[in-house]
Amino acid sequence: MSNQRTDTKHKADKSEKLQKILANAGLGSRREIEKWIADGRVSVNGSIASLGERATDKDTIRVDGRVIKIKPSDEVYTRIIAYHKPLGEVSTQKDPEGRPTVFEKLPRTSFGRWISIGRLDINTTGLLLFTNNGELAHRLMHPSYQVERKYAVRIHGEVTDEMLKNLRDGVLIDGDLCQFNYIQPGGGEGANQWYEVGLSEGKNREVRKLWQSQDVDVSRLIRIEYGPVDLPKSLSRGRWMDLSEEQIQKVADLVKLSVKPRKSQPAPKTSKRKNIWKKG
């Protein structure tokens, strides 16, 4: 009898909420998984799960009937990779038109799946982050955390002080007030000028739409930073690299999430943005 109580207590001590287990496995954010549970898509040991239910890595957990491989909590780690997206790739898992996707060149992850932290449109290049931690990805993209994205933008057309003031103060786009946190000139010649801009939300094509609201065209757009992560100068287009433990910790601290970073990964070098601006 005492052994049975000990086993039950041990299982209770090791158990975690289902949404946390599945988020750690890279299936999605906790909020998204809570909706799956509420919709009856998740089962534990053959029974439909309920919100607040706990489980362990010894339980059989299914999502939409598919068994999910769960690692013990002490083997779960967070990995983040930086990818230098080239022109012509789409930021989806699969493309109905058969175009190349950003996921095709990524490495395998030992558990879970790669989740893109934000997206870049087909004509935008630069830094794209991926993680196997669903909750981390959710927080980094959520507007409430105000994670800043920075871009190098080449503008074709005359830019006046009044235009720059409008972009800083905010303009209405699709019914929403959009604005840059800051705008920094980056040089250029004639009608082609470079600017570095920063914003804290990732609305669809927001950088391009902001400039277009001032009747100027964006001829090149490169994401050079996401939160505390710069686009590494040594990272060529179409290549990826792991973030170091220190960088992963900085990213997680930014959104107030406790994680266990993957160990022994090389740290990317800091990019020199002026070199990026002068290309092309």
C-alpha atoms as a PDB file:
ATOM      1  CA  MET A   1       0.000   0.000   0.000  1.00  0.00           C
ATOM      2  CA  SER A   2       2.793   2.405   0.930  1.00  0.00           C
ATOM      3  CA  ASN A   3       4.566   1.643  -2.379  1.00  0.00           C
ATOM      4  CA  GLN A   4       1.387   2.485  -4.338  1.00  0.00           C
ATOM      5  CA  ARG A   5       1.106   5.825  -2.512  1.00  0.00           C
ATOM      6  CA  THR A   6       4.768   6.555  -3.203  1.00  0.00           C
ATOM      7  CA  ASP A   7       4.329   5.822  -6.943  1.00  0.00           C
ATOM      8  CA  THR A   8       1.222   8.011  -7.116  1.00  0.00           C
ATOM      9  CA  LYS A   9       3.016  10.836  -5.308  1.00  0.00           C
ATOM     10  CA  HIS A  10       6.048  10.468  -7.616  1.00  0.00           C
ATOM     11  CA  LYS A  11       3.795  10.695 -10.692  1.00  0.00           C
ATOM     12  CA  ALA A  12       2.054  13.776  -9.293  1.00  0.00           C
ATOM     13  CA  ASP A  13       5.398  15.448  -8.603  1.00  0.00           C
ATOM     14  CA  LYS A  14       6.557  14.811 -12.186  1.00  0.00           C
ATOM     15  CA  SER A  15       3.304  15.818 -13.876  1.00  0.00           C
ATOM     16  CA  GLU A  16       2.771  19.065 -15.757  1.00  0.00           C
ATOM     17  CA  LYS A  17      -0.183  20.728 -17.405  1.00  0.00           C
ATOM     18  CA  LEU A  18      -0.939  19.351 -20.852  1.00  0.00           C
ATOM     19  CA  GLN A  19      -0.609  22.706 -22.586  1.00  0.00           C
ATOM     20  CA  LYS A  20       2.891  23.165 -21.142  1.00  0.00           C
ATOM     21  CA  ILE A  21       3.976  19.656 -22.188  1.00  0.00           C
ATOM     22  CA  LEU A  22       2.740  20.118 -25.758  1.00  0.00           C
ATOM     23  CA  ALA A  23       4.146  23.646 -26.042  1.00  0.00           C
ATOM     24  CA  ASN A  24       7.547  22.352 -24.889  1.00  0.00           C
ATOM     25  CA  ALA A  25       7.257  19.691 -27.598  1.00  0.00           C
ATOM     26  CA  GLY A  26       7.004  22.507 -30.144  1.00  0.00           C
ATOM     27  CA  LEU A  27       3.391  21.955 -31.188  1.00  0.00           C
ATOM     28  CA  GLY A  28       2.226  25.500 -30.551  1.00  0.00           C
ATOM     29  CA  SER A  29       1.670  28.132 -27.883  1.00  0.00           C
ATOM     30  CA  ARG A  30      -0.020  27.286 -24.593  1.00  0.00           C
ATOM     31  CA  ARG A  31      -2.996  29.445 -25.537  1.00  0.00           C
ATOM     32  CA  GLU A  32      -3.370  27.678 -28.881  1.00  0.00           C
ATOM     33  CA  ILE A  33      -3.120  24.243 -27.255  1.00  0.00           C
ATOM     34  CA  GLU A  34      -5.701  25.192 -24.604  1.00  0.00           C
ATOM     35  CA  LYS A  35      -8.116  25.763 -27.480  1.00  0.00           C
ATOM     36  CA  TRP A  36      -7.263  22.335 -28.908  1.00  0.00           C
ATOM     37  CA  ILE A  37      -8.047  20.783 -25.507  1.00  0.00           C
ATOM     38  CA  ALA A  38     -11.324  22.698 -25.243  1.00  0.00           C
ATOM     39  CA  ASP A  39     -12.245  21.494 -28.750  1.00  0.00           C
ATOM     40  CA  GLY A  40     -11.652  17.847 -27.749  1.00  0.00           C
ATOM     41  CA  ARG A  41      -8.656  17.341 -30.038  1.00  0.00           C
ATOM     42  CA  VAL A  42      -6.318  16.093 -27.264  1.00  0.00           C
ATOM     43  CA  SER A  43      -6.519  12.779 -25.415  1.00  0.00           C
ATOM     44  CA  VAL A  44      -4.525  11.196 -22.584  1.00  0.00           C
ATOM     45  CA  ASN A  45      -4.362   7.405 -22.354  1.00  0.00           C
ATOM     46  CA  GLY A  46      -7.388   7.088 -24.643  1.00  0.00           C
ATOM     47  CA  SER A  47      -9.630   9.593 -22.849  1.00  0.00           C
ATOM     48  CA  ILE A  48     -10.487  13.066 -24.137  1.00  0.00           C
ATOM     49  CA  ALA A  49      -8.494  15.585 -22.090  1.00  0.00           C
ATOM     50  CA  SER A  50     -10.000  18.487 -20.163  1.00  0.00           C
ATOM     51  CA  LEU A  51      -8.598  21.934 -19.424  1.00  0.00           C
ATOM     52  CA  GLY A  52      -6.291  21.896 -16.406  1.00  0.00           C
ATOM     53  CA  GLU A  53      -5.462  18.192 -16.809  1.00  0.00           C
ATOM     54  CA  ARG A  54      -1.923  17.103 -15.987  1.00  0.00           C
ATOM     55  CA  ALA A  55       0.213  14.333 -17.461  1.00  0.00           C
ATOM     56  CA  THR A  56       3.753  12.950 -17.561  1.00  0.00           C
ATOM     57  CA  ASP A  57       6.083  11.694 -20.283  1.00  0.00           C
ATOM     58  CA  LYS A  58       4.898   8.163 -19.391  1.00  0.00           C
ATOM     59  CA  ASP A  59       1.337   8.896 -20.518  1.00  0.00           C
ATOM     60  CA  THR A  60       0.135   8.377 -24.096  1.00  0.00           C
ATOM     61  CA  ILE A  61      -0.865  11.784 -25.424  1.00  0.00           C
ATOM     62  CA  ARG A  62      -2.571  12.169 -28.785  1.00  0.00           C
ATOM     63  CA  VAL A  63      -3.482  15.253 -30.820  1.00  0.00           C
ATOM     64  CA  ASP A  64      -6.071  14.602 -33.540  1.00  0.00           C
ATOM     65  CA  GLY A  65      -5.439  10.888 -33.005  1.00  0.00           C
ATOM     66  CA  ARG A  66      -1.691  11.140 -33.586  1.00  0.00           C
ATOM     67  CA  VAL A  67       0.605  10.011 -30.765  1.00  0.00           C
ATOM     68  CA  ILE A  68       2.938  12.803 -29.664  1.00  0.00           C
ATOM     69  CA  LYS A  69       6.420  11.782 -28.561  1.00  0.00           C
ATOM     70  CA  ILE A  70       7.086  13.474 -25.227  1.00  0.00           C
ATOM     71  CA  LYS A  71      10.539  13.796 -23.727  1.00  0.00           C
ATOM     72  CA  PRO A  72      11.084  13.780 -19.945  1.00  0.00           C
ATOM     73  CA  SER A  73      11.160  17.332 -18.576  1.00  0.00           C
ATOM     74  CA  ASP A  74      14.876  17.091 -17.749  1.00  0.00           C
ATOM     75  CA  GLU A  75      15.614  16.341 -21.434  1.00  0.00           C
ATOM     76  CA  VAL A  76      13.573  19.239 -22.811  1.00  0.00           C
ATOM     77  CA  TYR A  77      15.636  22.161 -24.068  1.00  0.00           C
ATOM     78  CA  THR A  78      15.015  25.287 -26.094  1.00  0.00           C
ATOM     79  CA  ARG A  79      16.808  25.752 -29.372  1.00  0.00           C
ATOM     80  CA  ILE A  80      16.743  28.884 -31.539  1.00  0.00           C
ATOM     81  CA  ILE A  81      18.321  29.180 -34.954  1.00  0.00           C
ATOM     82  CA  ALA A  82      18.938  32.246 -37.099  1.00  0.00           C
ATOM     83  CA  TYR A  83      18.275  31.860 -40.827  1.00  0.00           C
ATOM     84  CA  HIS A  84      19.336  34.338 -43.519  1.00  0.00           C
ATOM     85  CA  LYS A  85      16.339  34.334 -45.837  1.00  0.00           C
ATOM     86  CA  PRO A  86      17.096  34.979 -49.521  1.00  0.00           C
ATOM     87  CA  LEU A  87      14.740  36.438 -52.122  1.00  0.00           C
ATOM     88  CA  GLY A  88      12.129  34.130 -53.590  1.00  0.00           C
ATOM     89  CA  GLU A  89      11.397  31.923 -50.568  1.00  0.00           C
ATOM     90  CA  VAL A  90       7.995  31.901 -48.867  1.00  0.00           C
ATOM     91  CA  SER A  91       7.593  31.702 -45.090  1.00  0.00           C
ATOM     92  CA  THR A  92       5.263  28.693 -45.019  1.00  0.00           C
ATOM     93  CA  GLN A  93       5.740  24.945 -44.539  1.00  0.00           C
ATOM     94  CA  LYS A  94       4.380  24.161 -48.006  1.00  0.00           C
ATOM     95  CA  ASP A  95       3.491  26.314 -50.989  1.00  0.00           C
ATOM     96  CA  PRO A  96       0.656  25.346 -53.371  1.00  0.00           C
ATOM     97  CA  GLU A  97       2.518  27.052 -56.227  1.00  0.00           C
ATOM     98  CA  GLY A  98       5.623  24.948 -55.630  1.00  0.00           C
ATOM     99  CA  ARG A  99       7.864  27.856 -54.662  1.00  0.00           C
ATOM    100  CA  PRO A 100      10.808  27.168 -52.317  1.00  0.00           C
ATOM    101  CA  THR A 101      10.057  27.659 -48.609  1.00  0.00           C
ATOM    102  CA  VAL A 102      12.201  28.806 -45.694  1.00  0.00           C
ATOM    103  CA  PHE A 103      11.722  25.426 -43.993  1.00  0.00           C
ATOM    104  CA  GLU A 104      13.428  23.365 -46.708  1.00  0.00           C
ATOM    105  CA  LYS A 105      16.999  24.201 -45.651  1.00  0.00           C
ATOM    106  CA  LEU A 106      16.530  23.935 -41.881  1.00  0.00           C
ATOM    107  CA  PRO A 107      18.224  21.191 -39.831  1.00  0.00           C
ATOM    108  CA  ARG A 108      16.311  18.410 -38.151  1.00  0.00           C
ATOM    109  CA  THR A 109      15.232  18.975 -34.572  1.00  0.00           C
ATOM    110  CA  SER A 110      15.385  15.978 -32.219  1.00  0.00           C
ATOM    111  CA  PHE A 111      11.887  16.637 -30.882  1.00  0.00           C
ATOM    112  CA  GLY A 112       8.959  18.893 -31.657  1.00  0.00           C
ATOM    113  CA  ARG A 113       9.035  20.964 -34.821  1.00  0.00           C
ATOM    114  CA  TRP A 114      10.441  24.246 -36.062  1.00  0.00           C
ATOM    115  CA  ILE A 115       8.191  27.240 -35.492  1.00  0.00           C
ATOM    116  CA  SER A 116       8.865  30.440 -37.401  1.00  0.00           C
ATOM    117  CA  ILE A 117       9.065  33.531 -35.171  1.00  0.00           C
ATOM    118  CA  GLY A 118       7.232  35.919 -37.464  1.00  0.00           C
ATOM    119  CA  ARG A 119       7.390  35.879 -41.250  1.00  0.00           C
ATOM    120  CA  LEU A 120       9.057  37.687 -44.123  1.00  0.00           C
ATOM    121  CA  ASP A 121       7.325  38.134 -47.468  1.00  0.00           C
ATOM    122  CA  ILE A 122       8.766  36.617 -50.628  1.00  0.00           C
ATOM    123  CA  ASN A 123      10.565  39.859 -51.607  1.00  0.00           C
ATOM    124  CA  THR A 124      12.090  40.534 -48.168  1.00  0.00           C
ATOM    125  CA  THR A 125      15.447  39.105 -47.110  1.00  0.00           C
ATOM    126  CA  GLY A 126      17.341  38.927 -43.834  1.00  0.00           C
ATOM    127  CA  LEU A 127      16.961  37.553 -40.339  1.00  0.00           C
ATOM    128  CA  LEU A 128      14.331  34.928 -39.632  1.00  0.00           C
ATOM    129  CA  LEU A 129      14.321  33.115 -36.286  1.00  0.00           C
ATOM    130  CA  PHE A 130      13.025  29.594 -35.642  1.00  0.00           C
ATOM    131  CA  THR A 131      12.533  27.780 -32.336  1.00  0.00           C
ATOM    132  CA  ASN A 132      11.263  24.421 -31.090  1.00  0.00           C
ATOM    133  CA  ASN A 133       9.576  26.165 -28.119  1.00  0.00           C
ATOM    134  CA  GLY A 134       5.970  27.019 -28.988  1.00  0.00           C
ATOM    135  CA  GLU A 135       5.375  29.291 -25.994  1.00  0.00           C
ATOM    136  CA  LEU A 136       8.541  31.265 -26.696  1.00  0.00           C
ATOM    137  CA  ALA A 137       7.522  31.785 -30.329  1.00  0.00           C
ATOM    138  CA  HIS A 138       4.055  32.951 -29.256  1.00  0.00           C
ATOM    139  CA  ARG A 139       5.399  35.527 -26.809  1.00  0.00           C
ATOM    140  CA  LEU A 140       8.005  36.884 -29.223  1.00  0.00           C
ATOM    141  CA  MET A 141       5.287  37.543 -31.808  1.00  0.00           C
ATOM    142  CA  HIS A 142       2.580  38.835 -29.456  1.00  0.00           C
ATOM    143  CA  PRO A 143       2.042  42.626 -29.575  1.00  0.00           C
ATOM    144  CA  SER A 144       1.805  42.883 -25.771  1.00  0.00           C
ATOM    145  CA  TYR A 145       5.545  42.134 -25.422  1.00  0.00           C
ATOM    146  CA  GLN A 146       6.545  44.912 -27.860  1.00  0.00           C
ATOM    147  CA  VAL A 147       9.554  43.042 -29.275  1.00  0.00           C
ATOM    148  CA  GLU A 148      11.279  45.392 -31.703  1.00  0.00           C
ATOM    149  CA  ARG A 149      12.127  44.377 -35.259  1.00  0.00           C
ATOM    150  CA  LYS A 150      14.682  46.424 -37.198  1.00  0.00           C
ATOM    151  CA  TYR A 151      15.046  46.697 -40.952  1.00  0.00           C
ATOM    152  CA  ALA A 152      17.396  48.220 -43.505  1.00  0.00           C
ATOM    153  CA  VAL A 153      15.210  49.793 -46.193  1.00  0.00           C
ATOM    154  CA  ARG A 154      16.231  51.199 -49.566  1.00  0.00           C
ATOM    155  CA  ILE A 155      13.777  53.855 -50.711  1.00  0.00           C
ATOM    156  CA  HIS A 156      13.292  55.043 -54.275  1.00  0.00           C
ATOM    157  CA  GLY A 157      11.936  58.597 -54.336  1.00  0.00           C
ATOM    158  CA  GLU A 158      12.300  61.870 -52.488  1.00  0.00           C
ATOM    159  CA  VAL A 159      11.880  61.697 -48.714  1.00  0.00           C
ATOM    160  CA  THR A 160      11.083  64.933 -46.894  1.00  0.00           C
ATOM    161  CA  ASP A 161      11.230  65.843 -43.201  1.00  0.00           C
ATOM    162  CA  GLU A 162       7.423  65.999 -43.205  1.00  0.00           C
ATOM    163  CA  MET A 163       7.223  62.398 -44.455  1.00  0.00           C
ATOM    164  CA  LEU A 164       9.597  61.212 -41.731  1.00  0.00           C
ATOM    165  CA  LYS A 165       7.518  63.042 -39.111  1.00  0.00           C
ATOM    166  CA  ASN A 166       4.358  61.333 -40.393  1.00  0.00           C
ATOM    167  CA  LEU A 167       6.025  57.916 -40.174  1.00  0.00           C
ATOM    168  CA  ARG A 168       7.143  58.571 -36.592  1.00  0.00           C
ATOM    169  CA  ASP A 169       3.817  60.045 -35.454  1.00  0.00           C
ATOM    170  CA  GLY A 170       1.756  57.346 -37.131  1.00  0.00           C
ATOM    171  CA  VAL A 171      -0.483  56.908 -40.174  1.00  0.00           C
ATOM    172  CA  LEU A 172      -3.711  54.954 -40.629  1.00  0.00           C
ATOM    173  CA  ILE A 173      -3.228  51.715 -42.575  1.00  0.00           C
ATOM    174  CA  ASP A 174      -6.178  49.357 -43.041  1.00  0.00           C
ATOM    175  CA  GLY A 175      -7.894  51.089 -40.120  1.00  0.00           C
ATOM    176  CA  ASP A 176      -4.949  50.727 -37.707  1.00  0.00           C
ATOM    177  CA  LEU A 177      -2.519  53.425 -36.539  1.00  0.00           C
ATOM    178  CA  CYS A 178       0.961  52.289 -37.599  1.00  0.00           C
ATOM    179  CA  GLN A 179       4.294  53.973 -36.954  1.00  0.00           C
ATOM    180  CA  PHE A 180       8.036  53.457 -36.737  1.00  0.00           C
ATOM    181  CA  ASN A 181       9.674  53.589 -33.310  1.00  0.00           C
ATOM    182  CA  TYR A 182      12.597  55.354 -34.931  1.00  0.00           C
ATOM    183  CA  ILE A 183      14.052  56.148 -38.367  1.00  0.00           C
ATOM    184  CA  GLN A 184      17.789  56.533 -38.964  1.00  0.00           C
ATOM    185  CA  PRO A 185      19.295  57.642 -42.320  1.00  0.00           C
ATOM    186  CA  GLY A 186      21.779  55.125 -43.740  1.00  0.00           C
ATOM    187  CA  GLY A 187      23.223  56.863 -46.775  1.00  0.00           C
ATOM    188  CA  GLY A 188      22.747  56.339 -50.485  1.00  0.00           C
ATOM    189  CA  GLU A 189      22.936  58.144 -53.802  1.00  0.00           C
ATOM    190  CA  GLY A 190      20.412  60.215 -55.752  1.00  0.00           C
ATOM    191  CA  ALA A 191      16.844  58.927 -55.520  1.00  0.00           C
ATOM    192  CA  ASN A 192      17.960  55.709 -53.770  1.00  0.00           C
ATOM    193  CA  GLN A 193      18.416  56.237 -50.031  1.00  0.00           C
ATOM    194  CA  TRP A 194      18.881  53.740 -47.196  1.00  0.00           C
ATOM    195  CA  TYR A 195      17.149  54.025 -43.820  1.00  0.00           C
ATOM    196  CA  GLU A 196      17.182  51.894 -40.701  1.00  0.00           C
ATOM    197  CA  VAL A 197      13.725  51.631 -39.142  1.00  0.00           C
ATOM    198  CA  GLY A 198      12.320  49.898 -36.093  1.00  0.00           C
ATOM    199  CA  LEU A 199       8.810  48.839 -35.098  1.00  0.00           C
ATOM    200  CA  SER A 200       7.318  46.668 -32.379  1.00  0.00           C
ATOM    201  CA  GLU A 201       4.551  44.861 -34.220  1.00  0.00           C
ATOM    202  CA  GLY A 202       4.696  42.477 -37.129  1.00  0.00           C
ATOM    203  CA  LYS A 203       1.601  43.304 -39.157  1.00  0.00           C
ATOM    204  CA  ASN A 204       1.559  41.973 -42.721  1.00  0.00           C
ATOM    205  CA  ARG A 205       3.878  44.048 -44.969  1.00  0.00           C
ATOM    206  CA  GLU A 206       3.760  46.892 -42.438  1.00  0.00           C
ATOM    207  CA  VAL A 207       7.165  48.392 -43.319  1.00  0.00           C
ATOM    208  CA  ARG A 208       6.325  48.540 -47.021  1.00  0.00           C
ATOM    209  CA  LYS A 209       2.841  49.924 -46.401  1.00  0.00           C
ATOM    210  CA  LEU A 210       4.169  52.677 -44.140  1.00  0.00           C
ATOM    211  CA  TRP A 211       6.556  53.942 -46.806  1.00  0.00           C
ATOM    212  CA  GLN A 212       3.942  53.543 -49.542  1.00  0.00           C
ATOM    213  CA  SER A 213       1.593  55.758 -47.507  1.00  0.00           C
ATOM    214  CA  GLN A 214       4.090  58.557 -48.215  1.00  0.00           C
ATOM    215  CA  ASP A 215       4.120  57.821 -51.973  1.00  0.00           C
ATOM    216  CA  VAL A 216       7.633  56.373 -52.092  1.00  0.00           C
ATOM    217  CA  ASP A 217       8.634  52.849 -53.126  1.00  0.00           C
ATOM    218  CA  VAL A 218      10.645  50.271 -51.201  1.00  0.00           C
ATOM    219  CA  SER A 219      13.193  48.778 -53.600  1.00  0.00           C
ATOM    220  CA  ARG A 220      14.967  46.577 -51.008  1.00  0.00           C
ATOM    221  CA  LEU A 221      13.973  45.426 -47.536  1.00  0.00           C
ATOM    222  CA  ILE A 222      16.245  43.483 -45.178  1.00  0.00           C
ATOM    223  CA  ARG A 223      15.413  42.495 -41.606  1.00  0.00           C
ATOM    224  CA  ILE A 224      18.597  43.102 -39.636  1.00  0.00           C
ATOM    225  CA  GLU A 225      17.435  42.495 -36.063  1.00  0.00           C
ATOM    226  CA  TYR A 226      14.725  40.752 -34.045  1.00  0.00           C
ATOM    227  CA  GLY A 227      14.743  41.652 -30.350  1.00  0.00           C
ATOM    228  CA  PRO A 228      18.318  41.216 -29.074  1.00  0.00           C
ATOM    229  CA  VAL A 229      19.439  39.134 -32.087  1.00  0.00           C
ATOM    230  CA  ASP A 230      21.329  40.763 -34.984  1.00  0.00           C
ATOM    231  CA  LEU A 231      21.689  39.300 -38.463  1.00  0.00           C
ATOM    232  CA  PRO A 232      25.205  37.812 -38.245  1.00  0.00           C
ATOM    233  CA  LYS A 233      27.607  39.230 -40.822  1.00  0.00           C
ATOM    234  CA  SER A 234      29.129  35.763 -41.291  1.00  0.00           C
ATOM    235  CA  LEU A 235      25.762  34.164 -42.131  1.00  0.00           C
ATOM    236  CA  SER A 236      25.321  33.983 -45.912  1.00  0.00           C
ATOM    237  CA  ARG A 237      21.912  33.844 -47.586  1.00  0.00           C
ATOM    238  CA  GLY A 238      20.181  30.488 -47.392  1.00  0.00           C
ATOM    239  CA  ARG A 239      22.264  29.434 -44.360  1.00  0.00           C
ATOM    240  CA  TRP A 240      21.327  28.937 -40.706  1.00  0.00           C
ATOM    241  CA  MET A 241      23.199  28.885 -37.385  1.00  0.00           C
ATOM    242  CA  ASP A 242      22.363  28.070 -33.778  1.00  0.00           C
ATOM    243  CA  LEU A 243      22.132  30.832 -31.211  1.00  0.00           C
ATOM    244  CA  SER A 244      24.360  30.466 -28.179  1.00  0.00           C
ATOM    245  CA  GLU A 245      23.100  29.702 -24.660  1.00  0.00           C
ATOM    246  CA  GLU A 246      23.626  33.333 -23.707  1.00  0.00           C
ATOM    247  CA  GLN A 247      21.635  34.619 -26.687  1.00  0.00           C
ATOM    248  CA  ILE A 248      18.776  32.175 -26.091  1.00  0.00           C
ATOM    249  CA  GLN A 249      18.622  33.304 -22.477  1.00  0.00           C
ATOM    250  CA  LYS A 250      18.500  36.972 -23.518  1.00  0.00           C
ATOM    251  CA  VAL A 251      15.663  36.261 -25.931  1.00  0.00           C
ATOM    252  CA  ALA A 252      13.681  34.356 -23.282  1.00  0.00           C
ATOM    253  CA  ASP A 253      14.322  37.011 -20.615  1.00  0.00           C
ATOM    254  CA  LEU A 254      12.934  39.652 -22.973  1.00  0.00           C
ATOM    255  CA  VAL A 255       9.511  37.974 -22.856  1.00  0.00           C
ATOM    256  CA  LYS A 256       9.778  36.814 -19.227  1.00  0.00           C
ATOM    257  CA  LEU A 257       9.912  33.087 -19.968  1.00  0.00           C
ATOM    258  CA  SER A 258      12.021  30.523 -18.123  1.00  0.00           C
ATOM    259  CA  VAL A 259      13.773  28.135 -20.522  1.00  0.00           C
ATOM    260  CA  LYS A 260      16.610  25.634 -20.571  1.00  0.00           C
ATOM    261  CA  PRO A 261      18.823  26.557 -23.554  1.00  0.00           C
ATOM    262  CA  ARG A 262      20.515  23.965 -25.695  1.00  0.00           C
ATOM    263  CA  LYS A 263      24.155  23.701 -24.636  1.00  0.00           C
ATOM    264  CA  SER A 264      27.467  24.087 -26.444  1.00  0.00           C
ATOM    265  CA  GLN A 265      26.384  26.066 -29.493  1.00  0.00           C
ATOM    266  CA  PRO A 266      28.594  28.670 -31.173  1.00  0.00           C
ATOM    267  CA  ALA A 267      27.635  32.332 -30.810  1.00  0.00           C
ATOM    268  CA  PRO A 268      26.909  34.248 -34.032  1.00  0.00           C
ATOM    269  CA  LYS A 269      29.013  37.312 -34.735  1.00  0.00           C
ATOM    270  CA  THR A 270      27.439  40.743 -34.622  1.00  0.00           C
ATOM    271  CA  SER A 271      26.491  42.097 -38.032  1.00  0.00           C
ATOM    272  CA  LYS A 272      27.814  45.389 -39.395  1.00  0.00           C
ATOM    273  CA  ARG A 273      24.777  47.066 -40.861  1.00  0.00           C
ATOM    274  CA  LYS A 274      26.621  49.565 -43.067  1.00  0.00           C
ATOM    275  CA  ASN A 275      27.996  46.669 -45.097  1.00  0.00           C
ATOM    276  CA  ILE A 276      24.443  45.357 -45.561  1.00  0.00           C
ATOM    277  CA  TRP A 277      23.182  48.771 -46.723  1.00  0.00           C
ATOM    278  CA  LYS A 278      25.887  49.107 -49.370  1.00  0.00           C
ATOM    279  CA  LYS A 279      25.166  45.775 -51.069  1.00  0.00           C
ATOM    280  CA  GLY A 280      23.272  45.734 -54.338  1.00  0.00           C
END
